[in-house]
Protein backbone atom coordinates (compact mmCIF):
# COMPACT_ATOMS: atom_id res chain seq x y z
CA MET A 1 -24.74 -18.12 -13.75
CA GLN A 2 -21.41 -19.04 -12.22
CA ASN A 3 -19.28 -22.12 -11.83
CA SER A 4 -18.43 -22.94 -8.25
CA PRO A 5 -15.25 -21.45 -6.80
CA PRO A 6 -12.46 -24.05 -6.99
CA THR A 7 -11.87 -25.97 -3.77
CA ALA A 8 -8.41 -26.09 -2.27
CA SER A 9 -6.98 -29.49 -1.45
CA LYS A 10 -7.32 -28.78 2.29
CA PRO A 11 -10.14 -26.94 4.08
CA SER A 12 -9.49 -23.22 4.31
CA VAL A 13 -10.50 -20.67 6.92
CA PRO A 14 -13.97 -19.11 6.55
CA GLU A 15 -14.32 -16.63 3.71
CA THR A 16 -15.55 -13.83 5.96
CA GLU A 17 -12.07 -12.46 6.54
CA ALA A 18 -11.69 -8.79 5.67
CA ILE A 19 -9.67 -8.56 2.47
CA PRO A 20 -7.72 -5.48 1.41
CA PRO A 21 -8.82 -3.62 -1.71
CA GLN A 22 -7.37 -4.90 -4.95
CA GLU A 23 -5.40 -2.81 -7.42
CA THR A 24 -3.79 -0.63 -4.73
CA LEU A 25 -1.72 1.52 -7.03
CA VAL A 26 -0.87 4.79 -5.29
CA GLY A 27 -1.28 7.70 -7.57
CA ARG A 28 1.61 9.71 -8.53
CA GLY A 29 -8.11 38.64 -3.02
CA GLY A 30 -10.71 41.45 -2.95
CA GLY A 31 -13.64 42.22 -0.65
CA GLY A 32 -17.02 40.56 -1.12
CA ASP A 33 -20.62 41.36 -0.27
CA ALA A 34 -22.32 39.01 2.13
CA VAL A 35 -25.02 37.06 0.33
CA ASP A 36 -28.15 36.78 2.46
CA LEU A 37 -29.93 33.54 1.64
CA PRO A 38 -33.50 33.69 2.98
CA GLU A 39 -34.93 30.96 5.13
CA ALA A 40 -36.71 28.61 2.76
CA ALA A 41 -40.20 27.43 3.51
CA GLY A 42 -40.14 24.01 5.06
CA SER A 43 -36.42 24.02 5.75
CA GLU A 44 -35.48 22.27 8.98
CA GLU A 45 -32.43 24.49 9.41
CA PRO A 46 -33.04 28.25 9.89
CA GLY A 47 -31.40 30.31 7.18
CA LEU A 48 -30.46 27.20 5.20
CA PRO A 49 -32.29 26.75 1.87
CA ASP A 50 -33.83 23.40 1.08
CA VAL A 51 -31.31 23.02 -1.72
CA VAL A 52 -28.62 22.29 0.88
CA THR A 53 -30.79 20.16 3.17
CA ARG A 54 -30.09 16.44 2.68
CA LYS A 55 -33.32 14.99 4.01
CA ASP A 56 -36.73 14.48 2.43
CA MET A 57 -36.09 15.93 -0.99
CA PRO A 58 -38.89 14.70 -3.28
CA VAL A 59 -38.35 13.48 -6.79
CA ALA A 60 -39.12 16.52 -8.87
CA ALA A 61 -41.81 16.37 -11.48
CA GLY A 62 -40.76 16.86 -15.05
CA SER A 63 -37.59 14.80 -15.05
CA ASP A 64 -37.22 13.27 -18.49
CA GLU A 65 -35.24 10.31 -17.19
CA PRO A 66 -37.46 7.77 -15.38
CA GLY A 67 -36.28 7.23 -11.83
CA LEU A 68 -33.77 10.06 -12.04
CA PRO A 69 -34.55 13.04 -9.80
CA ASP A 70 -34.16 16.51 -11.26
CA ALA A 71 -31.46 16.91 -8.62
CA LEU A 72 -29.18 14.94 -10.92
CA ARG A 73 -29.80 17.20 -13.93
CA ARG A 74 -27.88 20.40 -14.56
CA LYS A 75 -30.21 23.37 -14.59
CA ASP A 76 -28.80 24.39 -17.97
CA ASP A 77 -29.10 21.00 -19.70
CA GLY A 78 -30.62 21.08 -23.15
CA GLU A 79 -30.39 24.23 -25.23
CA ASN A 80 -27.88 25.82 -22.88
CA ALA A 81 -25.64 22.75 -22.65
CA ALA A 82 -22.91 24.33 -24.74
CA ALA A 83 -22.80 27.43 -22.57
CA ALA A 84 -22.72 25.24 -19.48
CA SER A 85 -19.34 23.81 -20.47
CA GLU A 86 -17.70 27.03 -19.30
CA PRO A 87 -17.48 27.25 -15.49
CA LYS A 88 -19.18 30.27 -13.96
CA PRO A 89 -17.46 32.56 -11.46
CA SER A 90 -18.35 31.33 -8.00
CA ALA A 91 -18.59 34.56 -6.04
CA LYS A 92 -19.72 38.16 -6.08
CA GLU A 93 -17.07 40.67 -5.16
CA GLY A 94 -17.47 44.02 -3.51
CA GLU A 95 -17.25 45.86 -0.25
CA GLY A 96 -19.64 47.09 2.43
CA GLU A 97 -20.71 44.18 4.59
CA GLN A 98 -17.14 43.04 4.98
CA LYS A 99 -16.22 46.33 6.62
CA GLN A 100 -19.04 45.96 9.13
CA ASN A 101 -18.69 42.37 10.30
CA GLY A 102 -15.48 40.96 8.91
CA GLY A 103 -17.11 39.62 5.77
CA ALA A 104 -19.42 37.15 7.45
CA ALA A 105 -21.19 35.01 4.89
CA ALA A 106 -24.11 34.28 7.19
CA ALA A 107 -26.75 36.18 9.05
CA ALA A 108 -26.34 36.55 12.79
CA GLY A 109 -26.80 33.35 14.75
CA ASP A 110 -24.96 30.27 15.89
CA GLY A 111 -23.30 27.93 13.48
CA LYS A 112 -24.18 24.27 13.43
CA MET A 113 -22.00 21.20 12.84
CA THR A 114 -23.11 17.58 12.72
CA CYS A 115 -20.62 14.81 12.00
CA ASP A 116 -21.17 11.25 10.89
CA GLU A 117 -18.43 9.40 12.74
CA ASN A 118 -19.53 6.05 11.35
CA GLY A 119 -17.73 2.94 12.50
CA VAL A 120 -16.80 -0.46 11.18
CA ASP A 121 -19.40 -1.98 8.89
CA GLU A 122 -19.30 -5.77 9.10
CA GLY A 123 -18.36 -7.20 5.74
CA PHE A 124 -16.72 -3.95 4.62
CA PRO A 125 -12.93 -3.86 5.12
CA TYR A 126 -12.74 -0.32 6.44
CA ALA A 127 -14.59 2.00 8.75
CA ARG A 128 -16.20 4.78 6.78
CA PRO A 129 -14.52 8.17 7.09
CA THR A 130 -15.83 11.02 9.20
CA VAL A 131 -18.00 13.53 7.32
CA CYS A 132 -19.14 16.84 8.80
CA GLU A 133 -22.02 19.05 7.64
CA LEU A 134 -21.89 22.73 8.60
CA SER A 135 -24.34 25.60 8.40
CA GLY A 136 -24.15 29.23 9.47
CA ASP A 137 -21.19 31.59 9.08
CA ILE A 138 -18.50 29.36 7.53
CA ARG A 139 -15.11 30.70 6.49
CA VAL A 140 -12.70 28.45 4.64
CA SER A 141 -9.02 29.37 4.76
CA PRO A 142 -7.07 26.98 2.50
CA LYS A 143 -3.77 28.58 3.50
CA GLN A 144 -4.41 27.65 7.14
CA LYS A 145 -6.03 24.31 6.21
CA THR A 146 -8.87 25.45 8.47
CA VAL A 147 -12.62 25.84 8.23
CA TYR A 148 -13.91 28.40 10.75
CA LEU A 149 -17.47 28.14 12.03
CA VAL A 150 -18.73 31.23 13.87
CA ASN A 151 -20.21 29.63 16.96
CA PRO A 152 -20.75 32.10 19.85
CA SER A 153 -22.52 29.55 22.06
CA GLY A 154 -19.80 26.94 21.65
CA ALA A 155 -22.29 24.36 20.35
CA GLY A 156 -21.23 20.71 20.33
CA GLY A 157 -19.21 18.56 17.97
CA PHE A 158 -15.81 20.03 18.84
CA ASP A 159 -13.07 18.82 21.19
CA GLU A 160 -12.05 20.69 24.33
CA GLY A 161 -9.94 23.06 22.27
CA GLY A 162 -12.90 23.96 20.07
CA GLU A 163 -11.61 21.99 17.09
CA LYS A 164 -12.51 19.00 14.96
CA ARG A 165 -9.74 17.46 12.85
CA LEU A 166 -10.41 15.18 9.91
CA ARG A 167 -8.83 13.94 6.70
CA PRO A 168 -11.45 14.29 3.95
CA TYR A 169 -10.62 11.22 1.85
CA ALA A 170 -13.53 8.84 1.33
CA ARG A 171 -11.74 5.70 2.51
CA LYS A 172 -10.65 5.32 6.12
CA ASP A 173 -7.41 3.42 5.66
CA ASP A 174 -4.77 3.90 8.36
CA PHE A 175 -2.02 3.23 5.82
CA LEU A 176 -3.28 5.99 3.53
CA LEU A 177 -4.42 8.68 5.94
CA PRO A 178 -0.99 10.21 6.73
CA GLY A 179 -0.82 11.22 3.05
CA VAL A 180 -4.20 12.97 3.17
CA THR A 181 -4.23 16.66 4.10
CA GLU A 182 -5.64 17.16 7.59
CA VAL A 183 -8.33 19.85 7.74
CA THR A 184 -9.30 21.51 11.01
CA VAL A 185 -12.84 22.72 11.64
CA LYS A 186 -12.50 25.41 14.30
CA SER A 187 -15.23 26.93 16.44
CA SER A 188 -14.91 30.73 16.43
CA PRO A 189 -16.47 32.65 19.36
CA SER A 190 -17.38 35.63 17.16
CA ALA A 191 -17.32 36.91 13.60
CA ALA A 192 -14.54 39.32 14.54
CA ALA A 193 -12.37 36.43 15.74
CA ALA A 194 -12.58 34.64 12.38
CA PRO A 195 -10.58 35.69 9.31
CA ARG A 196 -12.21 38.21 6.96
CA CYS A 197 -13.89 36.91 3.82
CA THR A 198 -12.27 37.64 0.49
CA LYS A 199 -14.90 35.73 -1.53
CA GLN A 200 -18.59 35.25 -0.86
CA HIS A 201 -20.36 32.18 -2.20
CA ALA A 202 -24.13 31.88 -2.53
CA VAL A 203 -23.89 28.09 -2.82
CA PRO A 204 -22.74 25.36 -0.39
CA ALA A 205 -19.18 24.01 -0.29
CA VAL A 206 -17.94 20.44 -0.58
CA LEU A 207 -14.33 19.95 0.50
CA PHE A 208 -12.68 16.60 -0.25
CA SER A 209 -9.35 14.92 -1.01
CA VAL A 210 -8.16 13.01 -4.07
CA ALA A 211 -5.11 11.52 -2.34
CA GLY A 212 -4.85 7.85 -1.47
CA TYR A 213 -5.43 5.30 -4.19
CA THR A 214 -6.80 7.71 -6.79
CA ASP A 215 -5.36 7.37 -10.30
CA ASN A 216 -6.52 3.76 -10.18
CA PHE A 217 -9.88 3.75 -11.97
CA PHE A 218 -11.59 1.55 -9.39
CA HIS A 219 -10.60 3.92 -6.60
CA ASP A 220 -11.30 7.04 -8.68
CA MET A 221 -14.90 5.85 -8.73
CA ALA A 222 -15.19 4.11 -5.32
CA ASP A 223 -13.25 6.72 -3.31
CA ALA A 224 -14.09 9.91 -5.17
CA MET A 225 -16.78 10.10 -7.85
CA VAL A 226 -19.46 7.85 -6.31
CA PRO A 227 -19.06 9.46 -2.84
CA LEU A 228 -19.08 12.92 -4.45
CA PHE A 229 -22.26 12.03 -6.32
CA LEU A 230 -23.83 10.76 -3.09
CA THR A 231 -22.86 13.96 -1.23
CA ALA A 232 -23.57 16.63 -3.85
CA ALA A 233 -25.97 15.39 -6.54
CA HIS A 234 -29.04 16.79 -4.76
CA LEU A 235 -27.61 20.30 -5.09
CA LYS A 236 -28.29 20.29 -8.86
CA GLY A 237 -24.94 21.82 -9.75
CA GLU A 238 -25.29 24.69 -7.27
CA VAL A 239 -22.28 23.68 -5.18
CA GLN A 240 -18.68 24.82 -4.96
CA LEU A 241 -16.10 22.00 -4.97
CA LEU A 242 -12.81 22.46 -3.11
CA ILE A 243 -10.20 19.74 -3.67
CA THR A 244 -7.19 19.07 -1.47
CA ASN A 245 -4.22 16.89 -2.45
CA TYR A 246 -5.03 18.50 -5.77
CA LYS A 247 -3.83 16.74 -8.94
CA PRO A 248 -4.32 18.86 -12.08
CA TRP A 249 -4.27 15.82 -14.35
CA TRP A 250 -6.91 14.08 -12.19
CA VAL A 251 -9.23 17.08 -12.36
CA GLN A 252 -8.66 17.31 -16.12
CA LYS A 253 -9.36 13.59 -16.56
CA TYR A 254 -12.74 13.83 -14.79
CA THR A 255 -13.74 17.33 -15.87
CA PRO A 256 -16.99 16.16 -17.57
CA LEU A 257 -18.17 14.49 -14.36
CA LEU A 258 -17.10 17.38 -12.13
CA ARG A 259 -18.89 19.88 -14.40
CA LYS A 260 -22.03 17.78 -14.28
CA LEU A 261 -21.98 17.97 -10.47
CA SER A 262 -20.94 21.62 -10.13
CA ASN A 263 -21.63 24.72 -12.19
CA TYR A 264 -18.48 26.38 -10.83
CA ALA A 265 -14.73 26.07 -11.39
CA VAL A 266 -13.02 23.79 -8.86
CA ILE A 267 -10.99 25.54 -6.14
CA ASN A 268 -7.49 24.17 -5.53
CA PHE A 269 -7.50 23.98 -1.73
CA ASP A 270 -3.73 23.45 -1.64
CA GLU A 271 -2.80 26.75 -3.32
CA ASP A 272 -5.68 29.18 -2.86
CA ALA A 273 -4.72 32.14 -0.63
CA GLY A 274 -8.19 33.60 -0.06
CA VAL A 275 -10.85 33.16 2.61
CA HIS A 276 -14.01 31.68 1.09
CA CYS A 277 -17.27 32.22 2.93
CA PHE A 278 -20.33 30.02 2.74
CA ARG A 279 -23.67 29.49 4.44
CA ALA A 280 -23.44 25.69 4.31
CA GLY A 281 -20.97 22.99 3.45
CA PHE A 282 -19.57 19.49 3.80
CA VAL A 283 -16.06 18.56 4.90
CA GLY A 284 -15.46 15.08 3.55
CA LEU A 285 -17.70 12.84 1.47
CA TYR A 286 -20.40 10.35 2.36
CA ARG A 287 -19.73 6.87 1.08
CA ASP A 288 -21.30 3.45 1.04
CA ARG A 289 -19.48 0.25 0.16
CA ASP A 290 -17.31 0.11 -2.95
CA LEU A 291 -19.43 0.98 -6.02
CA ILE A 292 -22.61 0.29 -4.04
CA LEU A 293 -25.35 2.69 -2.94
CA SER A 294 -27.98 1.58 -0.44
CA PRO A 295 -30.73 3.53 1.34
CA HIS A 296 -29.57 5.08 4.61
CA PRO A 297 -31.15 7.84 6.74
CA THR A 298 -27.90 9.81 7.03
CA ARG A 299 -25.63 8.83 4.16
CA ASN A 300 -28.29 8.39 1.50
CA PRO A 301 -31.63 9.91 2.55
CA ARG A 302 -32.75 10.29 -1.08
CA ASN A 303 -32.23 6.59 -1.79
CA TYR A 304 -29.92 7.14 -4.74
CA THR A 305 -28.87 3.92 -6.48
CA MET A 306 -26.05 2.89 -8.76
CA VAL A 307 -28.62 3.00 -11.56
CA ASP A 308 -28.93 6.73 -10.83
CA PHE A 309 -25.14 7.02 -10.83
CA GLY A 310 -25.00 5.25 -14.19
CA ARG A 311 -27.53 7.69 -15.64
CA PHE A 312 -25.52 10.57 -14.22
CA VAL A 313 -22.33 9.27 -15.86
CA ARG A 314 -24.04 8.66 -19.20
CA GLY A 315 -25.44 12.19 -19.09
CA ALA A 316 -22.08 13.74 -18.21
CA LEU A 317 -20.28 11.91 -21.02
CA ALA A 318 -23.14 12.08 -23.55
CA LEU A 319 -23.26 8.28 -23.84
CA PRO A 320 -26.24 7.45 -26.07
CA ARG A 321 -27.22 3.89 -25.15
CA ASP A 322 -29.38 3.20 -22.09
CA ARG A 323 -30.19 -0.41 -22.98
CA PRO A 324 -28.36 -3.22 -24.81
CA ALA A 325 -29.33 -4.95 -28.01
CA VAL A 326 -32.04 -7.59 -27.70
CA LEU A 327 -31.44 -10.73 -29.73
CA GLY A 328 -34.03 -11.24 -32.42
CA GLU A 329 -35.17 -7.62 -32.32
CA GLU A 330 -33.47 -6.87 -35.64
CA PRO A 331 -32.85 -9.50 -38.34
CA GLY A 332 -29.15 -10.30 -38.71
CA MET A 333 -28.17 -8.22 -35.67
CA ARG A 334 -25.02 -9.47 -33.92
CA PRO A 335 -24.52 -8.42 -30.29
CA ARG A 336 -21.32 -6.59 -29.47
CA MET A 337 -18.77 -7.89 -26.96
CA LEU A 338 -15.89 -5.81 -25.59
CA ILE A 339 -13.01 -7.77 -24.07
CA ILE A 340 -10.79 -5.62 -21.85
CA SER A 341 -7.18 -6.74 -22.17
CA ARG A 342 -4.47 -6.24 -19.57
CA ALA A 343 -0.81 -5.48 -20.23
CA GLY A 344 0.58 -6.33 -16.79
CA THR A 345 -0.65 -9.10 -14.52
CA ARG A 346 -3.80 -11.20 -14.75
CA ARG A 347 -3.54 -11.33 -18.52
CA LEU A 348 -5.86 -13.57 -20.51
CA LEU A 349 -3.16 -15.54 -22.33
CA ASN A 350 -5.48 -17.15 -24.87
CA LEU A 351 -7.41 -13.96 -25.53
CA GLU A 352 -7.38 -14.49 -29.31
CA GLU A 353 -8.92 -17.95 -28.93
CA VAL A 354 -11.59 -16.60 -26.57
CA ALA A 355 -12.41 -13.81 -29.04
CA ALA A 356 -12.61 -16.34 -31.88
CA ALA A 357 -14.97 -18.56 -29.86
CA ALA A 358 -17.21 -15.58 -29.12
CA LYS A 359 -17.30 -14.63 -32.81
CA GLU A 360 -18.18 -18.20 -33.73
CA LEU A 361 -21.19 -17.99 -31.40
CA GLY A 362 -22.43 -14.80 -33.04
CA PHE A 363 -20.75 -11.86 -31.29
CA ASN A 364 -19.04 -8.93 -32.93
CA VAL A 365 -15.91 -8.76 -30.76
CA THR A 366 -13.67 -5.80 -29.95
CA VAL A 367 -10.54 -6.09 -27.81
CA ALA A 368 -9.22 -2.96 -26.10
CA GLU A 369 -7.15 -1.91 -23.12
CA ALA A 370 -8.64 0.74 -20.85
CA GLY A 371 -6.85 4.05 -21.30
CA ALA A 372 -6.57 7.46 -19.67
CA ASP A 373 -9.06 9.07 -22.07
CA VAL A 374 -12.19 8.43 -20.02
CA PRO A 375 -14.78 9.83 -22.49
CA ALA A 376 -13.31 7.87 -25.41
CA PHE A 377 -13.17 4.54 -23.60
CA ALA A 378 -16.56 5.13 -21.99
CA ALA A 379 -18.06 5.50 -25.47
CA GLN A 380 -16.45 2.21 -26.49
CA VAL A 381 -17.92 0.41 -23.46
CA ASN A 382 -21.33 2.01 -23.92
CA ALA A 383 -21.42 0.71 -27.50
CA ALA A 384 -21.04 -2.88 -26.21
CA ASP A 385 -23.75 -5.25 -25.02
CA VAL A 386 -21.37 -7.58 -23.14
CA LEU A 387 -18.22 -6.65 -21.22
CA LEU A 388 -15.70 -9.44 -20.51
CA ALA A 389 -12.55 -9.08 -18.41
CA VAL A 390 -10.28 -10.81 -15.94
CA HIS A 391 -10.68 -9.49 -12.37
CA GLY A 392 -9.13 -6.04 -12.04
CA ALA A 393 -9.80 -2.32 -12.08
CA GLY A 394 -10.80 -2.47 -15.75
CA LEU A 395 -14.09 -4.06 -14.71
CA THR A 396 -15.03 -0.74 -13.12
CA ASN A 397 -15.81 0.36 -16.67
CA GLN A 398 -19.08 -1.54 -16.31
CA ILE A 399 -20.50 1.78 -15.10
CA PHE A 400 -20.59 2.86 -18.77
CA LEU A 401 -22.58 -0.14 -20.00
CA PRO A 402 -26.22 0.38 -20.90
CA THR A 403 -28.59 -0.77 -18.15
CA ARG A 404 -29.25 -4.53 -18.44
CA GLY A 405 -26.02 -5.09 -20.33
CA VAL A 406 -24.02 -8.21 -19.45
CA VAL A 407 -20.78 -8.44 -17.44
CA VAL A 408 -18.60 -11.57 -17.52
CA GLN A 409 -15.84 -11.60 -14.89
CA ILE A 410 -13.06 -14.19 -15.10
CA VAL A 411 -12.02 -14.82 -11.49
CA PRO A 412 -8.40 -15.98 -11.10
CA TRP A 413 -7.30 -18.83 -8.85
CA GLY A 414 -6.77 -18.19 -5.13
CA LYS A 415 -10.10 -17.90 -3.26
CA MET A 416 -10.81 -14.55 -4.86
CA ASP A 417 -14.57 -15.04 -4.92
CA TRP A 418 -15.15 -12.62 -2.02
CA MET A 419 -13.21 -9.90 -3.81
CA ALA A 420 -14.71 -10.62 -7.21
CA THR A 421 -18.29 -10.60 -5.98
CA ASN A 422 -18.03 -7.61 -3.65
CA PHE A 423 -15.91 -5.35 -5.85
CA TYR A 424 -17.65 -6.06 -9.16
CA GLY A 425 -20.47 -8.61 -8.87
CA ARG A 426 -22.67 -6.84 -6.35
CA PRO A 427 -22.08 -3.44 -8.00
CA ALA A 428 -23.06 -4.93 -11.38
CA ARG A 429 -26.35 -6.16 -9.95
CA GLY A 430 -26.87 -2.79 -8.27
CA MET A 431 -26.54 -1.16 -11.69
CA GLN A 432 -29.14 -3.60 -13.07
CA LEU A 433 -26.58 -5.37 -15.21
CA ARG A 434 -26.74 -9.11 -15.86
CA TYR A 435 -23.69 -10.72 -14.28
CA LEU A 436 -21.69 -13.94 -14.79
CA GLU A 437 -18.62 -15.21 -12.92
CA TYR A 438 -16.19 -17.77 -14.30
CA TYR A 439 -13.82 -19.32 -11.75
CA VAL A 440 -10.41 -20.34 -13.01
CA GLY A 441 -9.24 -23.84 -12.06
CA GLU A 442 -5.77 -25.03 -11.08
CA GLU A 443 -4.98 -26.06 -14.63
CA GLU A 444 -5.93 -22.63 -16.01
CA THR A 445 -3.62 -20.49 -13.87
CA SER A 446 0.01 -19.63 -14.59
CA LEU A 447 0.70 -20.25 -10.89
CA LYS A 448 0.95 -23.97 -11.68
CA ASP A 449 4.17 -23.24 -13.58
CA LYS A 450 5.64 -21.22 -10.72
CA TYR A 451 4.67 -23.10 -7.56
CA PRO A 452 4.43 -26.81 -6.69
CA ARG A 453 0.96 -28.20 -5.98
CA GLU A 454 1.79 -28.53 -2.27
CA HIS A 455 2.39 -24.76 -2.05
CA THR A 456 0.01 -22.73 0.10
CA VAL A 457 -1.49 -21.04 -2.96
CA PHE A 458 -2.97 -24.42 -3.97
CA ARG A 459 -3.27 -26.19 -0.62
CA ASP A 460 -4.79 -23.34 1.43
CA PRO A 461 -5.04 -20.05 -0.52
CA MET A 462 -7.04 -18.34 2.23
CA ALA A 463 -3.91 -18.53 4.38
CA LEU A 464 -2.36 -16.02 1.99
CA HIS A 465 -5.34 -13.72 2.46
CA LYS A 466 -4.80 -13.90 6.23
CA GLN A 467 -1.18 -12.83 5.81
CA GLY A 468 -2.35 -9.49 4.43
CA TRP A 469 -2.40 -7.58 1.21
CA GLN A 470 1.33 -7.78 0.52
CA ALA A 471 1.35 -11.59 0.45
CA LEU A 472 -1.77 -11.62 -1.70
CA ALA A 473 -0.31 -9.08 -4.12
CA GLU A 474 2.99 -10.92 -4.45
CA VAL A 475 1.45 -14.31 -5.24
CA VAL A 476 -2.21 -14.43 -6.22
CA MET A 477 -2.52 -11.08 -7.96
CA LYS A 478 0.47 -11.74 -10.24
CA GLN A 479 -0.97 -14.72 -12.08
CA ASP A 480 -2.12 -14.94 -15.68
CA VAL A 481 -4.91 -17.21 -16.89
CA THR A 482 -5.57 -19.47 -19.87
CA VAL A 483 -9.23 -20.42 -19.81
CA ASP A 484 -10.32 -23.89 -20.88
CA LEU A 485 -12.51 -23.13 -23.90
CA ILE A 486 -14.63 -26.23 -23.32
CA ARG A 487 -15.44 -25.02 -19.79
CA PHE A 488 -15.78 -21.40 -20.89
CA ARG A 489 -18.02 -21.81 -23.92
CA PRO A 490 -21.23 -22.27 -21.82
CA PHE A 491 -20.61 -18.85 -20.26
CA LEU A 492 -20.48 -17.23 -23.68
CA LEU A 493 -23.78 -18.95 -24.47
CA GLN A 494 -25.22 -17.72 -21.18
CA ALA A 495 -24.21 -14.16 -22.11
CA LEU A 496 -26.14 -14.57 -25.36
CA ASP A 497 -29.14 -15.97 -23.52
CA LYS A 498 -29.21 -13.01 -21.14
CA LEU A 499 -29.57 -10.65 -24.10
CA GLN A 500 -32.84 -12.39 -24.89
CA GLU A 501 -34.32 -11.86 -21.42
């Protein structure tokens, strides 16, 4: 259910304009034996095991989570879960092969590189970033910010100088990209011409950046964790992560999720002085739209969904609830509502009255502000049946709700329906959550006390969207709201009704 978006006093431009992302807060050697991985039966790429092939991976039998492929489960889940919390060393060390061929990590033969260059997706504000998949003799030199691919035949994918340059951040934003480390993939005519390996890895590599908008929870998920899941989940933990624009606090914050995706300690690409050798790898991350996963032959050949991502997150954080309370299932049971408060802009000024109204209707209500302790706040969200918040990054926490939980988004004034629906509404439905939108009217926004009614924000708010993100951020995004309880009460009742479906 949703009330209709408020209508401005004059017709506005069509709502198909690309709108910038909300909440754009910029975040603050020894020798090694070559590991010979045999050609796996049925692999489309010679010498490349099926575990690193993206296409046609069946759902494995024996998964104990319906709809969740074994690819999303750590191989040591269960009795060995405690031992799994300690990262394993990611390479064998030794001598021998290195002396003979420069430490090549691959058997003889040409390397292979395929890149998804993407392009602008209508309805999505940005072109997707370039992602390259490599196989063969791959040597990663963090010090040189270069990935060498031994490629005697000079196979395609490179420019005239035998290079491919890309910035491996999973959002192609021209404003952001200068701050993302540029990585060069270089075609090497022979093993001898490439740097010698100091570490051999028997698993594929995934190299990506956590620059850009990370440290904002929405972008941590949309630009890092969901793309990383999409790129690496099928490897079942047998993957080596290399992170550039490395932030120790960011890695610490998301350690449970990173450990669920990789059995190995993360490599700091910005400081490592070695040469890491692999048989396969990805430079950059595949991504879909923000917090959305749809089937795609290249980006998502296994048809992962946001329901799968939710299960992955619940598994990584040991969140116990996979479904909400059902009204009437237990005598006297009161459903639980979590209201996410905000300390800065877009505050719910009559939060106490809203909480009291929800309690009067039968909810047990908790009010909390999202914090930096992801596991702790995730547990609080997972314990709720209904999540209520004003539009903002805090709504990203819906990923922790049990499947078929309820999300209520309060959408501030200013033609924000496109942003509200695409950033949080569509993702909620993709996670199989029940979703409600409440649109704030002119009398419910603090903007009425700051601007006259003939101001553009009331007369033609889409004109502000057309002026760009800065204008939007300075006016629309700085409002607070006071919801009309008479208008809002039916939405609380609808949230209750949805728990009976």
